[in-house]
PDB file of N, CA and C in Angstrom:
ATOM      1  N   UNK A   1       0.832  -1.191   0.000  1.00  0.00           N
ATOM      2  CA  UNK A   1       0.000   0.000   0.000  1.00  0.00           C
ATOM      3  C   UNK A   1       0.877   1.255   0.000  1.00  0.00           C
ATOM      4  N   UNK A   2       1.931   1.235   0.786  1.00  0.00           N
ATOM      5  CA  UNK A   2       2.830   2.397   0.847  1.00  0.00           C
ATOM      6  C   UNK A   2       3.445   2.661  -0.526  1.00  0.00           C
ATOM      7  N   UNK A   3       3.885   1.618  -1.205  1.00  0.00           N
ATOM      8  CA  UNK A   3       4.475   1.799  -2.543  1.00  0.00           C
ATOM      9  C   UNK A   3       3.448   2.363  -3.516  1.00  0.00           C
ATOM     10  N   UNK A   4       2.214   1.927  -3.403  1.00  0.00           N
ATOM     11  CA  UNK A   4       1.153   2.475  -4.256  1.00  0.00           C
ATOM     12  C   UNK A   4       0.972   3.970  -3.990  1.00  0.00           C
ATOM     13  N   UNK A   5       0.947   4.346  -2.726  1.00  0.00           N
ATOM     14  CA  UNK A   5       0.803   5.757  -2.370  1.00  0.00           C
ATOM     15  C   UNK A   5       1.972   6.575  -2.906  1.00  0.00           C
ATOM     16  N   UNK A   6       3.177   6.015  -2.827  1.00  0.00           N
ATOM     17  CA  UNK A   6       4.355   6.706  -3.356  1.00  0.00           C
ATOM     18  C   UNK A   6       4.246   6.920  -4.861  1.00  0.00           C
ATOM     19  N   UNK A   7       3.540   6.029  -5.554  1.00  0.00           N
ATOM     20  CA  UNK A   7       3.306   6.171  -6.992  1.00  0.00           C
ATOM     21  C   UNK A   7       2.170   7.138  -7.297  1.00  0.00           C
ATOM     22  N   UNK A   8       1.483   7.610  -6.257  1.00  0.00           N
ATOM     23  CA  UNK A   8       0.362   8.520  -6.445  1.00  0.00           C
ATOM     24  C   UNK A   8      -0.959   7.818  -6.696  1.00  0.00           C
ATOM     25  N   UNK A   9      -1.027   6.538  -6.374  1.00  0.00           N
ATOM     26  CA  UNK A   9      -2.246   5.760  -6.605  1.00  0.00           C
ATOM     27  C   UNK A   9      -2.864   5.332  -5.281  1.00  0.00           C
ATOM     28  N   UNK A  10      -4.161   5.574  -5.099  1.00  0.00           N
ATOM     29  CA  UNK A  10      -4.820   5.072  -3.896  1.00  0.00           C
ATOM     30  C   UNK A  10      -4.954   3.558  -3.976  1.00  0.00           C
ATOM     31  N   UNK A  11      -5.257   2.941  -2.852  1.00  0.00           N
ATOM     32  CA  UNK A  11      -5.503   1.505  -2.788  1.00  0.00           C
ATOM     33  C   UNK A  11      -6.844   1.290  -2.113  1.00  0.00           C
ATOM     34  N   UNK A  12      -7.660   0.451  -2.712  1.00  0.00           N
ATOM     35  CA  UNK A  12      -8.934   0.091  -2.099  1.00  0.00           C
ATOM     36  C   UNK A  12      -8.693  -1.140  -1.241  1.00  0.00           C
ATOM     37  N   UNK A  13      -9.137  -1.084   0.014  1.00  0.00           N
ATOM     38  CA  UNK A  13      -8.967  -2.220   0.922  1.00  0.00           C
ATOM     39  C   UNK A  13     -10.317  -2.649   1.462  1.00  0.00           C
ATOM     40  N   UNK A  14     -10.409  -3.921   1.782  1.00  0.00           N
ATOM     41  CA  UNK A  14     -11.607  -4.481   2.380  1.00  0.00           C
ATOM     42  C   UNK A  14     -11.348  -4.670   3.865  1.00  0.00           C
ATOM     43  N   UNK A  15     -12.247  -4.110   4.681  1.00  0.00           N
ATOM     44  CA  UNK A  15     -12.117  -4.237   6.133  1.00  0.00           C
ATOM     45  C   UNK A  15     -13.378  -4.885   6.698  1.00  0.00           C
ATOM     46  N   UNK A  16     -13.291  -5.318   7.951  1.00  0.00           N
ATOM     47  CA  UNK A  16     -14.479  -5.840   8.636  1.00  0.00           C
ATOM     48  C   UNK A  16     -14.307  -5.618  10.125  1.00  0.00           C
ATOM     49  N   UNK A  17     -15.430  -5.378  10.752  1.00  0.00           N
ATOM     50  CA  UNK A  17     -15.458  -5.256  12.203  1.00  0.00           C
ATOM     51  C   UNK A  17     -15.238  -3.849  12.687  1.00  0.00           C
ATOM     52  N   UNK A  18     -15.171  -3.679  13.971  1.00  0.00           N
ATOM     53  CA  UNK A  18     -15.062  -2.333  14.520  1.00  0.00           C
ATOM     54  C   UNK A  18     -13.760  -1.648  14.120  1.00  0.00           C
ATOM     55  N   UNK A  19     -13.878  -0.368  13.889  1.00  0.00           N
ATOM     56  CA  UNK A  19     -12.732   0.479  13.557  1.00  0.00           C
ATOM     57  C   UNK A  19     -12.981   1.810  14.256  1.00  0.00           C
ATOM     58  N   UNK A  20     -12.178   2.128  15.250  1.00  0.00           N
ATOM     59  CA  UNK A  20     -12.381   3.326  16.055  1.00  0.00           C
ATOM     60  C   UNK A  20     -12.483   4.560  15.170  1.00  0.00           C
ATOM     61  N   UNK A  21     -13.582   5.300  15.334  1.00  0.00           N
ATOM     62  CA  UNK A  21     -13.802   6.525  14.575  1.00  0.00           C
ATOM     63  C   UNK A  21     -14.575   6.338  13.285  1.00  0.00           C
ATOM     64  N   UNK A  22     -14.937   5.096  12.964  1.00  0.00           N
ATOM     65  CA  UNK A  22     -15.657   4.837  11.718  1.00  0.00           C
ATOM     66  C   UNK A  22     -17.127   5.226  11.844  1.00  0.00           C
ATOM     67  N   UNK A  23     -17.785   5.318  10.698  1.00  0.00           N
ATOM     68  CA  UNK A  23     -19.193   5.710  10.661  1.00  0.00           C
ATOM     69  C   UNK A  23     -20.117   4.599  11.147  1.00  0.00           C
ATOM     70  N   UNK A  24     -19.721   3.359  10.905  1.00  0.00           N
ATOM     71  CA  UNK A  24     -20.547   2.194  11.221  1.00  0.00           C
ATOM     72  C   UNK A  24     -19.669   1.069  11.771  1.00  0.00           C
ATOM     73  N   UNK A  25     -20.277   0.004  12.320  1.00  0.00           N
ATOM     74  CA  UNK A  25     -19.460  -1.104  12.839  1.00  0.00           C
ATOM     75  C   UNK A  25     -18.877  -2.023  11.765  1.00  0.00           C
ATOM     76  N   UNK A  26     -19.372  -1.983  10.536  1.00  0.00           N
ATOM     77  CA  UNK A  26     -18.843  -2.768   9.407  1.00  0.00           C
ATOM     78  C   UNK A  26     -18.781  -4.258   9.710  1.00  0.00           C
ATOM     79  N   UNK A  27     -19.809  -4.774  10.358  1.00  0.00           N
ATOM     80  CA  UNK A  27     -19.836  -6.189  10.728  1.00  0.00           C
ATOM     81  C   UNK A  27     -19.824  -7.113   9.514  1.00  0.00           C
ATOM     82  N   UNK A  28     -20.359  -6.665   8.391  1.00  0.00           N
ATOM     83  CA  UNK A  28     -20.402  -7.490   7.183  1.00  0.00           C
ATOM     84  C   UNK A  28     -19.275  -7.165   6.209  1.00  0.00           C
ATOM     85  N   UNK A  29     -18.440  -6.204   6.557  1.00  0.00           N
ATOM     86  CA  UNK A  29     -17.351  -5.802   5.680  1.00  0.00           C
ATOM     87  C   UNK A  29     -17.633  -4.451   5.031  1.00  0.00           C
ATOM     88  N   UNK A  30     -16.593  -3.851   4.481  1.00  0.00           N
ATOM     89  CA  UNK A  30     -16.701  -2.507   3.911  1.00  0.00           C
ATOM     90  C   UNK A  30     -15.437  -2.224   3.103  1.00  0.00           C
ATOM     91  N   UNK A  31     -15.568  -1.391   2.081  1.00  0.00           N
ATOM     92  CA  UNK A  31     -14.419  -0.975   1.285  1.00  0.00           C
ATOM     93  C   UNK A  31     -14.034   0.460   1.612  1.00  0.00           C
ATOM     94  N   UNK A  32     -12.734   0.698   1.743  1.00  0.00           N
ATOM     95  CA  UNK A  32     -12.176   2.032   1.982  1.00  0.00           C
ATOM     96  C   UNK A  32     -11.119   2.306   0.924  1.00  0.00           C
ATOM     97  N   UNK A  33     -10.925   3.569   0.607  1.00  0.00           N
ATOM     98  CA  UNK A  33      -9.800   3.965  -0.240  1.00  0.00           C
ATOM     99  C   UNK A  33      -8.713   4.527   0.670  1.00  0.00           C
ATOM    100  N   UNK A  34      -7.542   3.919   0.650  1.00  0.00           N
ATOM    101  CA  UNK A  34      -6.400   4.441   1.397  1.00  0.00           C
ATOM    102  C   UNK A  34      -5.745   5.499   0.512  1.00  0.00           C
ATOM    103  N   UNK A  35      -5.680   6.727   1.032  1.00  0.00           N
ATOM    104  CA  UNK A  35      -5.175   7.848   0.230  1.00  0.00           C
ATOM    105  C   UNK A  35      -3.906   8.474   0.803  1.00  0.00           C
ATOM    106  N   UNK A  36      -3.474   8.016   1.974  1.00  0.00           N
ATOM    107  CA  UNK A  36      -2.260   8.562   2.561  1.00  0.00           C
ATOM    108  C   UNK A  36      -1.886   7.835   3.841  1.00  0.00           C
ATOM    109  N   UNK A  37      -0.689   8.137   4.311  1.00  0.00           N
ATOM    110  CA  UNK A  37      -0.197   7.533   5.545  1.00  0.00           C
ATOM    111  C   UNK A  37       0.742   8.519   6.214  1.00  0.00           C
ATOM    112  N   UNK A  38       0.587   8.683   7.523  1.00  0.00           N
ATOM    113  CA  UNK A  38       1.470   9.537   8.313  1.00  0.00           C
ATOM    114  C   UNK A  38       2.250   8.631   9.261  1.00  0.00           C
ATOM    115  N   UNK A  39       3.524   8.318   8.918  1.00  0.00           N
ATOM    116  CA  UNK A  39       4.285   7.399   9.760  1.00  0.00           C
ATOM    117  C   UNK A  39       4.594   7.965  11.143  1.00  0.00           C
ATOM    118  N   UNK A  40       4.729   9.273  11.254  1.00  0.00           N
ATOM    119  CA  UNK A  40       5.035   9.873  12.557  1.00  0.00           C
ATOM    120  C   UNK A  40       3.866   9.705  13.525  1.00  0.00           C
ATOM    121  N   UNK A  41       2.655   9.904  13.030  1.00  0.00           N
ATOM    122  CA  UNK A  41       1.463   9.776  13.872  1.00  0.00           C
ATOM    123  C   UNK A  41       0.859   8.379  13.826  1.00  0.00           C
ATOM    124  N   UNK A  42       1.385   7.527  12.930  1.00  0.00           N
ATOM    125  CA  UNK A  42       0.863   6.176  12.730  1.00  0.00           C
ATOM    126  C   UNK A  42      -0.637   6.225  12.421  1.00  0.00           C
ATOM    127  N   UNK A  43      -0.975   7.053  11.420  1.00  0.00           N
ATOM    128  CA  UNK A  43      -2.351   7.217  10.976  1.00  0.00           C
ATOM    129  C   UNK A  43      -2.464   6.862   9.499  1.00  0.00           C
ATOM    130  N   UNK A  44      -3.527   6.157   9.166  1.00  0.00           N
ATOM    131  CA  UNK A  44      -3.842   5.813   7.787  1.00  0.00           C
ATOM    132  C   UNK A  44      -4.954   6.746   7.339  1.00  0.00           C
ATOM    133  N   UNK A  45      -4.709   7.504   6.281  1.00  0.00           N
ATOM    134  CA  UNK A  45      -5.690   8.456   5.766  1.00  0.00           C
ATOM    135  C   UNK A  45      -6.532   7.748   4.721  1.00  0.00           C
ATOM    136  N   UNK A  46      -7.842   7.853   4.894  1.00  0.00           N
ATOM    137  CA  UNK A  46      -8.766   7.114   4.033  1.00  0.00           C
ATOM    138  C   UNK A  46      -9.898   7.998   3.536  1.00  0.00           C
ATOM    139  N   UNK A  47     -10.516   7.520   2.473  1.00  0.00           N
ATOM    140  CA  UNK A  47     -11.796   8.041   2.033  1.00  0.00           C
ATOM    141  C   UNK A  47     -12.786   6.930   2.366  1.00  0.00           C
ATOM    142  N   UNK A  48     -13.674   7.213   3.292  1.00  0.00           N
ATOM    143  CA  UNK A  48     -14.624   6.225   3.791  1.00  0.00           C
ATOM    144  C   UNK A  48     -16.035   6.642   3.381  1.00  0.00           C
ATOM    145  N   UNK A  49     -16.612   6.008   2.360  1.00  0.00           N
ATOM    146  CA  UNK A  49     -17.906   6.435   1.842  1.00  0.00           C
ATOM    147  C   UNK A  49     -19.098   6.166   2.758  1.00  0.00           C
ATOM    148  N   UNK A  50     -18.885   5.573   3.919  1.00  0.00           N
ATOM    149  CA  UNK A  50     -19.996   5.306   4.833  1.00  0.00           C
ATOM    150  C   UNK A  50     -20.467   6.562   5.568  1.00  0.00           C
ATOM    151  N   UNK A  51     -19.654   7.601   5.585  1.00  0.00           N
ATOM    152  CA  UNK A  51     -20.053   8.825   6.271  1.00  0.00           C
ATOM    153  C   UNK A  51     -21.122   9.554   5.453  1.00  0.00           C
ATOM    154  N   UNK A  52     -22.016  10.284   6.121  1.00  0.00           N
ATOM    155  CA  UNK A  52     -23.172  10.866   5.431  1.00  0.00           C
ATOM    156  C   UNK A  52     -22.889  12.049   4.501  1.00  0.00           C
ATOM    157  N   UNK A  53     -21.807  12.784   4.721  1.00  0.00           N
ATOM    158  CA  UNK A  53     -21.531  13.932   3.856  1.00  0.00           C
ATOM    159  C   UNK A  53     -20.129  13.826   3.275  1.00  0.00           C
ATOM    160  N   UNK A  54     -19.939  14.447   2.114  1.00  0.00           N
ATOM    161  CA  UNK A  54     -18.642  14.385   1.445  1.00  0.00           C
ATOM    162  C   UNK A  54     -17.484  14.837   2.334  1.00  0.00           C
ATOM    163  N   UNK A  55     -17.590  15.974   3.028  1.00  0.00           N
ATOM    164  CA  UNK A  55     -16.448  16.400   3.857  1.00  0.00           C
ATOM    165  C   UNK A  55     -16.083  15.399   4.956  1.00  0.00           C
ATOM    166  N   UNK A  56     -17.051  14.648   5.438  1.00  0.00           N
ATOM    167  CA  UNK A  56     -16.793  13.679   6.504  1.00  0.00           C
ATOM    168  C   UNK A  56     -16.096  12.413   6.001  1.00  0.00           C
ATOM    169  N   UNK A  57     -16.090  12.182   4.691  1.00  0.00           N
ATOM    170  CA  UNK A  57     -15.535  10.929   4.168  1.00  0.00           C
ATOM    171  C   UNK A  57     -14.016  10.851   4.274  1.00  0.00           C
ATOM    172  N   UNK A  58     -13.334  11.986   4.417  1.00  0.00           N
ATOM    173  CA  UNK A  58     -11.878  11.977   4.577  1.00  0.00           C
ATOM    174  C   UNK A  58     -11.576  11.826   6.067  1.00  0.00           C
ATOM    175  N   UNK A  59     -11.067  10.665   6.437  1.00  0.00           N
ATOM    176  CA  UNK A  59     -10.823  10.343   7.845  1.00  0.00           C
ATOM    177  C   UNK A  59      -9.440   9.719   8.007  1.00  0.00           C
ATOM    178  N   UNK A  60      -8.962   9.725   9.238  1.00  0.00           N
ATOM    179  CA  UNK A  60      -7.692   9.079   9.570  1.00  0.00           C
ATOM    180  C   UNK A  60      -7.954   8.048  10.646  1.00  0.00           C
ATOM    181  N   UNK A  61      -7.426   6.854  10.435  1.00  0.00           N
ATOM    182  CA  UNK A  61      -7.586   5.773  11.393  1.00  0.00           C
ATOM    183  C   UNK A  61      -6.225   5.402  11.979  1.00  0.00           C
ATOM    184  N   UNK A  62      -6.231   5.041  13.243  1.00  0.00           N
ATOM    185  CA  UNK A  62      -5.032   4.565  13.914  1.00  0.00           C
ATOM    186  C   UNK A  62      -4.509   3.337  13.169  1.00  0.00           C
ATOM    187  N   UNK A  63      -3.210   3.304  12.927  1.00  0.00           N
ATOM    188  CA  UNK A  63      -2.609   2.220  12.149  1.00  0.00           C
ATOM    189  C   UNK A  63      -2.942   0.846  12.718  1.00  0.00           C
ATOM    190  N   UNK A  64      -2.809   0.656  14.010  1.00  0.00           N
ATOM    191  CA  UNK A  64      -3.059  -0.678  14.578  1.00  0.00           C
ATOM    192  C   UNK A  64      -4.517  -1.083  14.438  1.00  0.00           C
ATOM    193  N   UNK A  65      -5.461  -0.149  14.640  1.00  0.00           N
ATOM    194  CA  UNK A  65      -6.883  -0.450  14.447  1.00  0.00           C
ATOM    195  C   UNK A  65      -7.161  -0.805  12.986  1.00  0.00           C
ATOM    196  N   UNK A  66      -6.576  -0.013  12.086  1.00  0.00           N
ATOM    197  CA  UNK A  66      -6.761  -0.250  10.650  1.00  0.00           C
ATOM    198  C   UNK A  66      -6.243  -1.631  10.257  1.00  0.00           C
ATOM    199  N   UNK A  67      -5.033  -1.963  10.701  1.00  0.00           N
ATOM    200  CA  UNK A  67      -4.442  -3.260  10.346  1.00  0.00           C
ATOM    201  C   UNK A  67      -5.259  -4.427  10.884  1.00  0.00           C
ATOM    202  N   UNK A  68      -5.829  -4.269  12.063  1.00  0.00           N
ATOM    203  CA  UNK A  68      -6.677  -5.317  12.632  1.00  0.00           C
ATOM    204  C   UNK A  68      -7.937  -5.507  11.790  1.00  0.00           C
ATOM    205  N   UNK A  69      -8.608  -4.405  11.451  1.00  0.00           N
ATOM    206  CA  UNK A  69      -9.833  -4.479  10.640  1.00  0.00           C
ATOM    207  C   UNK A  69      -9.534  -5.041   9.251  1.00  0.00           C
ATOM    208  N   UNK A  70      -8.408  -4.661   8.679  1.00  0.00           N
ATOM    209  CA  UNK A  70      -8.016  -5.142   7.350  1.00  0.00           C
ATOM    210  C   UNK A  70      -7.686  -6.634   7.397  1.00  0.00           C
ATOM    211  N   UNK A  71      -7.020  -7.072   8.446  1.00  0.00           N
ATOM    212  CA  UNK A  71      -6.635  -8.490   8.548  1.00  0.00           C
ATOM    213  C   UNK A  71      -7.859  -9.390   8.682  1.00  0.00           C
ATOM    214  N   UNK A  72      -8.945  -8.864   9.222  1.00  0.00           N
ATOM    215  CA  UNK A  72     -10.176  -9.664   9.332  1.00  0.00           C
ATOM    216  C   UNK A  72     -10.729 -10.040   7.961  1.00  0.00           C
ATOM    217  N   UNK A  73     -10.316  -9.342   6.925  1.00  0.00           N
ATOM    218  CA  UNK A  73     -10.737  -9.629   5.552  1.00  0.00           C
ATOM    219  C   UNK A  73      -9.590 -10.242   4.745  1.00  0.00           C
ATOM    220  N   UNK A  74      -8.565 -10.715   5.429  1.00  0.00           N
ATOM    221  CA  UNK A  74      -7.460 -11.371   4.752  1.00  0.00           C
ATOM    222  C   UNK A  74      -6.544 -10.418   4.010  1.00  0.00           C
ATOM    223  N   UNK A  75      -6.527  -9.149   4.410  1.00  0.00           N
ATOM    224  CA  UNK A  75      -5.688  -8.119   3.783  1.00  0.00           C
ATOM    225  C   UNK A  75      -5.940  -7.997   2.278  1.00  0.00           C
ATOM    226  N   UNK A  76      -7.207  -8.095   1.904  1.00  0.00           N
ATOM    227  CA  UNK A  76      -7.591  -7.935   0.502  1.00  0.00           C
ATOM    228  C   UNK A  76      -7.427  -6.473   0.099  1.00  0.00           C
ATOM    229  N   UNK A  77      -6.791  -6.279  -1.053  1.00  0.00           N
ATOM    230  CA  UNK A  77      -6.595  -4.924  -1.575  1.00  0.00           C
ATOM    231  C   UNK A  77      -6.766  -4.933  -3.083  1.00  0.00           C
ATOM    232  N   UNK A  78      -7.277  -3.834  -3.607  1.00  0.00           N
ATOM    233  CA  UNK A  78      -7.431  -3.640  -5.044  1.00  0.00           C
ATOM    234  C   UNK A  78      -6.448  -2.553  -5.443  1.00  0.00           C
ATOM    235  N   UNK A  79      -5.519  -2.903  -6.333  1.00  0.00           N
ATOM    236  CA  UNK A  79      -4.464  -1.985  -6.732  1.00  0.00           C
ATOM    237  C   UNK A  79      -4.741  -1.431  -8.115  1.00  0.00           C
ATOM    238  N   UNK A  80      -4.318  -0.198  -8.331  1.00  0.00           N
ATOM    239  CA  UNK A  80      -4.483   0.461  -9.623  1.00  0.00           C
ATOM    240  C   UNK A  80      -3.114   0.811 -10.167  1.00  0.00           C
ATOM    241  N   UNK A  81      -2.939   0.585 -11.451  1.00  0.00           N
ATOM    242  CA  UNK A  81      -1.675   0.890 -12.090  1.00  0.00           C
ATOM    243  C   UNK A  81      -1.938   1.747 -13.317  1.00  0.00           C
ATOM    244  N   UNK A  82      -1.093   2.735 -13.504  1.00  0.00           N
ATOM    245  CA  UNK A  82      -1.183   3.570 -14.683  1.00  0.00           C
ATOM    246  C   UNK A  82      -0.453   2.868 -15.831  1.00  0.00           C
ATOM    247  N   UNK A  83      -1.050   2.843 -17.043  1.00  0.00           N
ATOM    248  CA  UNK A  83      -0.371   2.177 -18.157  1.00  0.00           C
ATOM    249  C   UNK A  83       0.873   2.913 -18.587  1.00  0.00           C
TER     250      UNK A  83
END
């Protein structure tokens, strides 16, 4: 995911279960777009479409919480490559 971000490409990830600060509990799973990472703060910046308004969709999740939720879905990710 970090290499994708360095290339300027977001990564879509599948998560499941509770994620502190999320809009919903995502018990059945959910897709997020990872759009950035702050290694100093250990925050994953995402676009989370579950929030009710566009400005609310840009959120940051704690790295450890994010990794736990992502691992519940087997670390599934959708990568995009520019031709």
